PDB file of all heavy atoms in Angstrom:
ATOM      1  N   ALA A   1      11.332  -8.750   0.518  1.00  0.00           N
ATOM      2  CA  ALA A   1      10.420  -9.830   0.912  1.00  0.00           C
ATOM      3  C   ALA A   1      10.716 -11.116   0.141  1.00  0.00           C
ATOM      4  O   ALA A   1      10.220 -12.181   0.515  1.00  0.00           O
ATOM      5  CB  ALA A   1       8.975  -9.405   0.688  1.00  0.00           C
ATOM      6  N   ARG A   2      11.499 -11.028  -0.918  1.00  0.00           N
ATOM      7  CA  ARG A   2      11.948 -12.185  -1.716  1.00  0.00           C
ATOM      8  C   ARG A   2      10.819 -13.124  -2.126  1.00  0.00           C
ATOM      9  O   ARG A   2      10.845 -14.316  -1.833  1.00  0.00           O
ATOM     10  CB  ARG A   2      13.011 -12.955  -0.970  1.00  0.00           C
ATOM     11  CG  ARG A   2      14.250 -12.159  -0.784  1.00  0.00           C
ATOM     12  CD  ARG A   2      15.324 -12.974  -0.161  1.00  0.00           C
ATOM     13  NE  ARG A   2      16.507 -12.132  -0.060  1.00  0.00           N
ATOM     14  CZ  ARG A   2      17.722 -12.594  -0.061  1.00  0.00           C
ATOM     15  NH1 ARG A   2      17.927 -13.878  -0.157  1.00  0.00           N
ATOM     16  NH2 ARG A   2      18.735 -11.784   0.033  1.00  0.00           N
ATOM     17  N   GLY A   3       9.826 -12.569  -2.779  1.00  0.00           N
ATOM     18  CA  GLY A   3       8.756 -13.395  -3.311  1.00  0.00           C
ATOM     19  C   GLY A   3       7.625 -13.707  -2.359  1.00  0.00           C
ATOM     20  O   GLY A   3       6.648 -14.317  -2.747  1.00  0.00           O
ATOM     21  N   LYS A   4       7.757 -13.314  -1.093  1.00  0.00           N
ATOM     22  CA  LYS A   4       6.662 -13.531  -0.148  1.00  0.00           C
ATOM     23  C   LYS A   4       5.610 -12.455  -0.392  1.00  0.00           C
ATOM     24  O   LYS A   4       5.942 -11.290  -0.545  1.00  0.00           O
ATOM     25  CB  LYS A   4       7.166 -13.464   1.286  1.00  0.00           C
ATOM     26  CG  LYS A   4       8.144 -14.559   1.629  1.00  0.00           C
ATOM     27  CD  LYS A   4       8.655 -14.405   3.039  1.00  0.00           C
ATOM     28  CE  LYS A   4       9.759 -15.425   3.298  1.00  0.00           C
ATOM     29  NZ  LYS A   4      10.453 -15.163   4.555  1.00  0.00           N
ATOM     30  N   PRO A   5       4.351 -12.837  -0.407  1.00  0.00           N
ATOM     31  CA  PRO A   5       3.314 -11.837  -0.670  1.00  0.00           C
ATOM     32  C   PRO A   5       3.184 -10.824   0.464  1.00  0.00           C
ATOM     33  O   PRO A   5       3.385 -11.154   1.639  1.00  0.00           O
ATOM     34  CB  PRO A   5       2.032 -12.660  -0.817  1.00  0.00           C
ATOM     35  CG  PRO A   5       2.323 -13.960  -0.155  1.00  0.00           C
ATOM     36  CD  PRO A   5       3.800 -14.170  -0.224  1.00  0.00           C
ATOM     37  N   ALA A   6       2.870  -9.604   0.099  1.00  0.00           N
ATOM     38  CA  ALA A   6       2.587  -8.541   1.063  1.00  0.00           C
ATOM     39  C   ALA A   6       1.149  -8.103   0.821  1.00  0.00           C
ATOM     40  O   ALA A   6       0.749  -7.868  -0.314  1.00  0.00           O
ATOM     41  CB  ALA A   6       3.540  -7.371   0.868  1.00  0.00           C
ATOM     42  N   SER A   7       0.380  -7.996   1.873  1.00  0.00           N
ATOM     43  CA  SER A   7      -1.016  -7.577   1.701  1.00  0.00           C
ATOM     44  C   SER A   7      -1.076  -6.074   1.460  1.00  0.00           C
ATOM     45  O   SER A   7      -0.193  -5.315   1.858  1.00  0.00           O
ATOM     46  CB  SER A   7      -1.839  -7.942   2.939  1.00  0.00           C
ATOM     47  OG  SER A   7      -1.523  -7.082   4.015  1.00  0.00           O
ATOM     48  N   ARG A   8      -2.141  -5.671   0.814  1.00  0.00           N
ATOM     49  CA  ARG A   8      -2.354  -4.243   0.573  1.00  0.00           C
ATOM     50  C   ARG A   8      -2.455  -3.493   1.899  1.00  0.00           C
ATOM     51  O   ARG A   8      -1.888  -2.410   2.046  1.00  0.00           O
ATOM     52  CB  ARG A   8      -3.619  -4.040  -0.253  1.00  0.00           C
ATOM     53  CG  ARG A   8      -3.542  -4.626  -1.636  1.00  0.00           C
ATOM     54  CD  ARG A   8      -4.862  -4.427  -2.376  1.00  0.00           C
ATOM     55  NE  ARG A   8      -5.046  -5.283  -3.508  1.00  0.00           N
ATOM     56  CZ  ARG A   8      -4.367  -5.250  -4.633  1.00  0.00           C
ATOM     57  NH1 ARG A   8      -3.390  -4.414  -4.774  1.00  0.00           N
ATOM     58  NH2 ARG A   8      -4.637  -6.065  -5.626  1.00  0.00           N
ATOM     59  N   ASP A   9      -3.175  -4.073   2.856  1.00  0.00           N
ATOM     60  CA  ASP A   9      -3.319  -3.421   4.154  1.00  0.00           C
ATOM     61  C   ASP A   9      -1.968  -3.244   4.841  1.00  0.00           C
ATOM     62  O   ASP A   9      -1.708  -2.220   5.462  1.00  0.00           O
ATOM     63  CB  ASP A   9      -4.258  -4.216   5.061  1.00  0.00           C
ATOM     64  CG  ASP A   9      -5.710  -4.164   4.597  1.00  0.00           C
ATOM     65  OD1 ASP A   9      -6.038  -3.325   3.726  1.00  0.00           O
ATOM     66  OD2 ASP A   9      -6.519  -4.962   5.107  1.00  0.00           O
ATOM     67  N   GLN A  10      -1.117  -4.237   4.711  1.00  0.00           N
ATOM     68  CA  GLN A  10       0.223  -4.163   5.300  1.00  0.00           C
ATOM     69  C   GLN A  10       1.026  -3.032   4.663  1.00  0.00           C
ATOM     70  O   GLN A  10       1.649  -2.230   5.363  1.00  0.00           O
ATOM     71  CB  GLN A  10       0.934  -5.502   5.085  1.00  0.00           C
ATOM     72  CG  GLN A  10       2.300  -5.611   5.685  1.00  0.00           C
ATOM     73  CD  GLN A  10       2.910  -6.986   5.418  1.00  0.00           C
ATOM     74  OE1 GLN A  10       2.538  -7.683   4.482  1.00  0.00           O
ATOM     75  NE2 GLN A  10       3.846  -7.368   6.255  1.00  0.00           N
ATOM     76  N   LEU A  11       1.002  -2.937   3.342  1.00  0.00           N
ATOM     77  CA  LEU A  11       1.738  -1.876   2.653  1.00  0.00           C
ATOM     78  C   LEU A  11       1.178  -0.499   2.986  1.00  0.00           C
ATOM     79  O   LEU A  11       1.928   0.449   3.203  1.00  0.00           O
ATOM     80  CB  LEU A  11       1.729  -2.119   1.146  1.00  0.00           C
ATOM     81  CG  LEU A  11       2.507  -3.343   0.680  1.00  0.00           C
ATOM     82  CD1 LEU A  11       2.260  -3.610  -0.804  1.00  0.00           C
ATOM     83  CD2 LEU A  11       3.986  -3.186   0.964  1.00  0.00           C
ATOM     84  N   VAL A  12      -0.144  -0.397   3.062  1.00  0.00           N
ATOM     85  CA  VAL A  12      -0.764   0.885   3.417  1.00  0.00           C
ATOM     86  C   VAL A  12      -0.354   1.297   4.827  1.00  0.00           C
ATOM     87  O   VAL A  12      -0.001   2.464   5.062  1.00  0.00           O
ATOM     88  CB  VAL A  12      -2.307   0.817   3.287  1.00  0.00           C
ATOM     89  CG1 VAL A  12      -2.977   2.023   3.921  1.00  0.00           C
ATOM     90  CG2 VAL A  12      -2.705   0.709   1.822  1.00  0.00           C
ATOM     91  N   SER A  13      -0.377   0.367   5.761  1.00  0.00           N
ATOM     92  CA  SER A  13      -0.044   0.724   7.148  1.00  0.00           C
ATOM     93  C   SER A  13       1.420   1.124   7.303  1.00  0.00           C
ATOM     94  O   SER A  13       1.755   1.922   8.169  1.00  0.00           O
ATOM     95  CB  SER A  13      -0.388  -0.418   8.105  1.00  0.00           C
ATOM     96  OG  SER A  13       0.446  -1.530   7.891  1.00  0.00           O
ATOM     97  N   ILE A  14       2.289   0.606   6.449  1.00  0.00           N
ATOM     98  CA  ILE A  14       3.707   0.962   6.514  1.00  0.00           C
ATOM     99  C   ILE A  14       3.982   2.299   5.829  1.00  0.00           C
ATOM    100  O   ILE A  14       4.671   3.157   6.379  1.00  0.00           O
ATOM    101  CB  ILE A  14       4.573  -0.146   5.873  1.00  0.00           C
ATOM    102  CG1 ILE A  14       4.511  -1.416   6.723  1.00  0.00           C
ATOM    103  CG2 ILE A  14       6.023   0.312   5.703  1.00  0.00           C
ATOM    104  CD1 ILE A  14       5.107  -2.637   6.037  1.00  0.00           C
ATOM    105  N   PHE A  15       3.437   2.489   4.622  1.00  0.00           N
ATOM    106  CA  PHE A  15       3.813   3.641   3.807  1.00  0.00           C
ATOM    107  C   PHE A  15       2.842   4.820   3.852  1.00  0.00           C
ATOM    108  O   PHE A  15       3.226   5.941   3.525  1.00  0.00           O
ATOM    109  CB  PHE A  15       4.046   3.199   2.357  1.00  0.00           C
ATOM    110  CG  PHE A  15       5.230   2.288   2.223  1.00  0.00           C
ATOM    111  CD1 PHE A  15       5.071   0.918   2.121  1.00  0.00           C
ATOM    112  CD2 PHE A  15       6.516   2.801   2.246  1.00  0.00           C
ATOM    113  CE1 PHE A  15       6.160   0.072   2.026  1.00  0.00           C
ATOM    114  CE2 PHE A  15       7.614   1.968   2.157  1.00  0.00           C
ATOM    115  CZ  PHE A  15       7.438   0.602   2.044  1.00  0.00           C
ATOM    116  N   TRP A  16       1.603   4.586   4.264  1.00  0.00           N
ATOM    117  CA  TRP A  16       0.620   5.667   4.353  1.00  0.00           C
ATOM    118  C   TRP A  16      -0.136   5.572   5.678  1.00  0.00           C
ATOM    119  O   TRP A  16      -1.376   5.554   5.700  1.00  0.00           O
ATOM    120  CB  TRP A  16      -0.358   5.603   3.171  1.00  0.00           C
ATOM    121  CG  TRP A  16       0.311   5.905   1.870  1.00  0.00           C
ATOM    122  CD1 TRP A  16       0.523   7.129   1.330  1.00  0.00           C
ATOM    123  CD2 TRP A  16       0.858   4.959   0.941  1.00  0.00           C
ATOM    124  NE1 TRP A  16       1.179   7.009   0.129  1.00  0.00           N
ATOM    125  CE2 TRP A  16       1.396   5.693  -0.127  1.00  0.00           C
ATOM    126  CE3 TRP A  16       0.958   3.572   0.918  1.00  0.00           C
ATOM    127  CZ2 TRP A  16       2.026   5.075  -1.217  1.00  0.00           C
ATOM    128  CZ3 TRP A  16       1.588   2.959  -0.158  1.00  0.00           C
ATOM    129  CH2 TRP A  16       2.103   3.709  -1.208  1.00  0.00           C
ATOM    130  N   PRO A  17       0.570   5.525   6.809  1.00  0.00           N
ATOM    131  CA  PRO A  17      -0.099   5.318   8.098  1.00  0.00           C
ATOM    132  C   PRO A  17      -0.965   6.499   8.531  1.00  0.00           C
ATOM    133  O   PRO A  17      -1.870   6.336   9.341  1.00  0.00           O
ATOM    134  CB  PRO A  17       1.068   5.120   9.069  1.00  0.00           C
ATOM    135  CG  PRO A  17       2.190   5.887   8.459  1.00  0.00           C
ATOM    136  CD  PRO A  17       2.013   5.715   6.972  1.00  0.00           C
ATOM    137  N   ASP A  18      -0.715   7.669   7.979  1.00  0.00           N
ATOM    138  CA  ASP A  18      -1.443   8.872   8.375  1.00  0.00           C
ATOM    139  C   ASP A  18      -2.723   9.088   7.578  1.00  0.00           C
ATOM    140  O   ASP A  18      -3.425  10.068   7.790  1.00  0.00           O
ATOM    141  CB  ASP A  18      -0.535  10.091   8.230  1.00  0.00           C
ATOM    142  CG  ASP A  18       0.032  10.259   6.831  1.00  0.00           C
ATOM    143  OD1 ASP A  18       0.155   9.242   6.107  1.00  0.00           O
ATOM    144  OD2 ASP A  18       0.368  11.387   6.446  1.00  0.00           O
ATOM    145  N   ARG A  19      -3.031   8.178   6.679  1.00  0.00           N
ATOM    146  CA  ARG A  19      -4.237   8.293   5.855  1.00  0.00           C
ATOM    147  C   ARG A  19      -5.217   7.206   6.248  1.00  0.00           C
ATOM    148  O   ARG A  19      -4.842   6.172   6.761  1.00  0.00           O
ATOM    149  CB  ARG A  19      -3.889   8.154   4.379  1.00  0.00           C
ATOM    150  CG  ARG A  19      -2.934   9.232   3.928  1.00  0.00           C
ATOM    151  CD  ARG A  19      -2.705   9.146   2.469  1.00  0.00           C
ATOM    152  NE  ARG A  19      -1.735  10.170   2.080  1.00  0.00           N
ATOM    153  CZ  ARG A  19      -1.319  10.348   0.868  1.00  0.00           C
ATOM    154  NH1 ARG A  19      -1.773   9.584  -0.108  1.00  0.00           N
ATOM    155  NH2 ARG A  19      -0.451  11.290   0.591  1.00  0.00           N
ATOM    156  N   GLY A  20      -6.455   7.430   5.972  1.00  0.00           N
ATOM    157  CA  GLY A  20      -7.449   6.383   6.189  1.00  0.00           C
ATOM    158  C   GLY A  20      -7.189   5.234   5.241  1.00  0.00           C
ATOM    159  O   GLY A  20      -6.452   5.364   4.257  1.00  0.00           O
ATOM    160  N   MET A  21      -7.785   4.086   5.514  1.00  0.00           N
ATOM    161  CA  MET A  21      -7.549   2.896   4.696  1.00  0.00           C
ATOM    162  C   MET A  21      -7.946   3.123   3.240  1.00  0.00           C
ATOM    163  O   MET A  21      -7.218   2.745   2.331  1.00  0.00           O
ATOM    164  CB  MET A  21      -8.282   1.682   5.273  1.00  0.00           C
ATOM    165  CG  MET A  21      -7.886   0.369   4.625  1.00  0.00           C
ATOM    166  SD  MET A  21      -6.108  -0.016   4.600  1.00  0.00           S
ATOM    167  CE  MET A  21      -5.769  -0.255   6.326  1.00  0.00           C
ATOM    168  N   GLN A  22      -9.074   3.775   3.007  1.00  0.00           N
ATOM    169  CA  GLN A  22      -9.522   3.991   1.629  1.00  0.00           C
ATOM    170  C   GLN A  22      -8.547   4.889   0.874  1.00  0.00           C
ATOM    171  O   GLN A  22      -8.154   4.574  -0.260  1.00  0.00           O
ATOM    172  CB  GLN A  22     -10.926   4.604   1.619  1.00  0.00           C
ATOM    173  CG  GLN A  22     -11.501   4.741   0.227  1.00  0.00           C
ATOM    174  CD  GLN A  22     -12.932   5.249   0.250  1.00  0.00           C
ATOM    175  OE1 GLN A  22     -13.501   5.500   1.289  1.00  0.00           O
ATOM    176  NE2 GLN A  22     -13.508   5.385  -0.929  1.00  0.00           N
ATOM    177  N   GLN A  23      -8.134   5.992   1.472  1.00  0.00           N
ATOM    178  CA  GLN A  23      -7.196   6.899   0.815  1.00  0.00           C
ATOM    179  C   GLN A  23      -5.819   6.242   0.667  1.00  0.00           C
ATOM    180  O   GLN A  23      -5.148   6.402  -0.350  1.00  0.00           O
ATOM    181  CB  GLN A  23      -7.079   8.206   1.586  1.00  0.00           C
ATOM    182  CG  GLN A  23      -6.263   9.256   0.858  1.00  0.00           C
ATOM    183  CD  GLN A  23      -6.179  10.565   1.621  1.00  0.00           C
ATOM    184  OE1 GLN A  23      -6.543  10.634   2.787  1.00  0.00           O
ATOM    185  NE2 GLN A  23      -5.698  11.590   0.955  1.00  0.00           N
ATOM    186  N   GLY A  24      -5.409   5.481   1.668  1.00  0.00           N
ATOM    187  CA  GLY A  24      -4.142   4.775   1.600  1.00  0.00           C
ATOM    188  C   GLY A  24      -4.120   3.738   0.489  1.00  0.00           C
ATOM    189  O   GLY A  24      -3.132   3.596  -0.231  1.00  0.00           O
ATOM    190  N   ARG A  25      -5.227   3.025   0.329  1.00  0.00           N
ATOM    191  CA  ARG A  25      -5.322   2.024  -0.742  1.00  0.00           C
ATOM    192  C   ARG A  25      -5.274   2.694  -2.118  1.00  0.00           C
ATOM    193  O   ARG A  25      -4.673   2.155  -3.051  1.00  0.00           O
ATOM    194  CB  ARG A  25      -6.592   1.192  -0.608  1.00  0.00           C
ATOM    195  CG  ARG A  25      -6.467   0.115   0.449  1.00  0.00           C
ATOM    196  CD  ARG A  25      -7.787  -0.654   0.592  1.00  0.00           C
ATOM    197  NE  ARG A  25      -7.533  -1.909   1.252  1.00  0.00           N
ATOM    198  CZ  ARG A  25      -7.473  -3.088   0.643  1.00  0.00           C
ATOM    199  NH1 ARG A  25      -7.679  -3.175  -0.636  1.00  0.00           N
ATOM    200  NH2 ARG A  25      -7.209  -4.179   1.322  1.00  0.00           N
ATOM    201  N   GLN A  26      -5.900   3.859  -2.241  1.00  0.00           N
ATOM    202  CA  GLN A  26      -5.840   4.594  -3.508  1.00  0.00           C
ATOM    203  C   GLN A  26      -4.401   5.011  -3.802  1.00  0.00           C
ATOM    204  O   GLN A  26      -3.929   4.893  -4.934  1.00  0.00           O
ATOM    205  CB  GLN A  26      -6.766   5.822  -3.476  1.00  0.00           C
ATOM    206  CG  GLN A  26      -6.696   6.675  -4.725  1.00  0.00           C
ATOM    207  CD  GLN A  26      -7.088   5.940  -5.994  1.00  0.00           C
ATOM    208  OE1 GLN A  26      -7.919   5.040  -5.976  1.00  0.00           O
ATOM    209  NE2 GLN A  26      -6.485   6.314  -7.106  1.00  0.00           N
ATOM    210  N   SER A  27      -3.694   5.483  -2.795  1.00  0.00           N
ATOM    211  CA  SER A  27      -2.288   5.868  -2.971  1.00  0.00           C
ATOM    212  C   SER A  27      -1.448   4.664  -3.362  1.00  0.00           C
ATOM    213  O   SER A  27      -0.564   4.762  -4.220  1.00  0.00           O
ATOM    214  CB  SER A  27      -1.740   6.494  -1.683  1.00  0.00           C
ATOM    215  OG  SER A  27      -2.419   7.688  -1.393  1.00  0.00           O
ATOM    216  N   LEU A  28      -1.712   3.517  -2.755  1.00  0.00           N
ATOM    217  CA  LEU A  28      -0.989   2.299  -3.093  1.00  0.00           C
ATOM    218  C   LEU A  28      -1.280   1.887  -4.533  1.00  0.00           C
ATOM    219  O   LEU A  28      -0.368   1.507  -5.276  1.00  0.00           O
ATOM    220  CB  LEU A  28      -1.355   1.163  -2.135  1.00  0.00           C
ATOM    221  CG  LEU A  28      -0.715  -0.192  -2.430  1.00  0.00           C
ATOM    222  CD1 LEU A  28       0.811  -0.115  -2.376  1.00  0.00           C
ATOM    223  CD2 LEU A  28      -1.236  -1.242  -1.452  1.00  0.00           C
ATOM    224  N   ARG A  29      -2.539   1.959  -4.966  1.00  0.00           N
ATOM    225  CA  ARG A  29      -2.886   1.630  -6.356  1.00  0.00           C
ATOM    226  C   ARG A  29      -2.112   2.505  -7.331  1.00  0.00           C
ATOM    227  O   ARG A  29      -1.561   2.024  -8.325  1.00  0.00           O
ATOM    228  CB  ARG A  29      -4.390   1.789  -6.602  1.00  0.00           C
ATOM    229  CG  ARG A  29      -5.209   0.605  -6.192  1.00  0.00           C
ATOM    230  CD  ARG A  29      -6.642   0.696  -6.695  1.00  0.00           C
ATOM    231  NE  ARG A  29      -7.389   1.794  -6.099  1.00  0.00           N
ATOM    232  CZ  ARG A  29      -8.018   1.737  -4.934  1.00  0.00           C
ATOM    233  NH1 ARG A  29      -7.981   0.622  -4.219  1.00  0.00           N
ATOM    234  NH2 ARG A  29      -8.682   2.774  -4.478  1.00  0.00           N
ATOM    235  N   GLN A  30      -2.058   3.802  -7.049  1.00  0.00           N
ATOM    236  CA  GLN A  30      -1.326   4.726  -7.917  1.00  0.00           C
ATOM    237  C   GLN A  30       0.164   4.395  -7.931  1.00  0.00           C
ATOM    238  O   GLN A  30       0.808   4.412  -8.975  1.00  0.00           O
ATOM    239  CB  GLN A  30      -1.540   6.167  -7.467  1.00  0.00           C
ATOM    240  CG  GLN A  30      -2.937   6.670  -7.708  1.00  0.00           C
ATOM    241  CD  GLN A  30      -3.183   8.028  -7.073  1.00  0.00           C
ATOM    242  OE1 GLN A  30      -2.422   8.499  -6.239  1.00  0.00           O
ATOM    243  NE2 GLN A  30      -4.268   8.670  -7.486  1.00  0.00           N
ATOM    244  N   CYS A  31       0.700   4.084  -6.768  1.00  0.00           N
ATOM    245  CA  CYS A  31       2.113   3.736  -6.649  1.00  0.00           C
ATOM    246  C   CYS A  31       2.431   2.476  -7.444  1.00  0.00           C
ATOM    247  O   CYS A  31       3.393   2.447  -8.223  1.00  0.00           O
ATOM    248  CB  CYS A  31       2.472   3.558  -5.174  1.00  0.00           C
ATOM    249  SG  CYS A  31       4.187   3.101  -4.881  1.00  0.00           S
ATOM    250  N   LEU A  32       1.641   1.429  -7.274  1.00  0.00           N
ATOM    251  CA  LEU A  32       1.879   0.172  -7.987  1.00  0.00           C
ATOM    252  C   LEU A  32       1.711   0.344  -9.497  1.00  0.00           C
ATOM    253  O   LEU A  32       2.466  -0.231 -10.279  1.00  0.00           O
ATOM    254  CB  LEU A  32       0.944  -0.924  -7.471  1.00  0.00           C
ATOM    255  CG  LEU A  32       1.222  -1.409  -6.055  1.00  0.00           C
ATOM    256  CD1 LEU A  32       0.135  -2.379  -5.605  1.00  0.00           C
ATOM    257  CD2 LEU A  32       2.596  -2.035  -5.949  1.00  0.00           C
ATOM    258  N   SER A  33       0.749   1.158  -9.888  1.00  0.00           N
ATOM    259  CA  SER A  33       0.546   1.425 -11.307  1.00  0.00           C
ATOM    260  C   SER A  33       1.770   2.102 -11.912  1.00  0.00           C
ATOM    261  O   SER A  33       2.245   1.713 -12.986  1.00  0.00           O
ATOM    262  CB  SER A  33      -0.696   2.293 -11.502  1.00  0.00           C
ATOM    263  OG  SER A  33      -0.850   2.642 -12.857  1.00  0.00           O
ATOM    264  N   SER A  34       2.310   3.091 -11.221  1.00  0.00           N
ATOM    265  CA  SER A  34       3.494   3.775 -11.745  1.00  0.00           C
ATOM    266  C   SER A  34       4.707   2.855 -11.762  1.00  0.00           C
ATOM    267  O   SER A  34       5.501   2.879 -12.696  1.00  0.00           O
ATOM    268  CB  SER A  34       3.791   5.053 -10.953  1.00  0.00           C
ATOM    269  OG  SER A  34       4.223   4.755  -9.649  1.00  0.00           O
ATOM    270  N   LEU A  35       4.850   1.992 -10.745  1.00  0.00           N
ATOM    271  CA  LEU A  35       5.967   1.046 -10.732  1.00  0.00           C
ATOM    272  C   LEU A  35       5.860   0.034 -11.868  1.00  0.00           C
ATOM    273  O   LEU A  35       6.854  -0.282 -12.521  1.00  0.00           O
ATOM    274  CB  LEU A  35       6.043   0.314  -9.389  1.00  0.00           C
ATOM    275  CG  LEU A  35       6.608   1.106  -8.221  1.00  0.00           C
ATOM    276  CD1 LEU A  35       6.471   0.321  -6.925  1.00  0.00           C
ATOM    277  CD2 LEU A  35       8.070   1.475  -8.476  1.00  0.00           C
TER     278      LEU A  35
END
């Protein structure tokens, strides 16, 4: 993305599409924390 912001909802829909938004956001938080 080269510095362009990505929304949390966008990342959740790409990487955790099979989870609800709340569970997907939790997974994203854990992922970003580990990164």
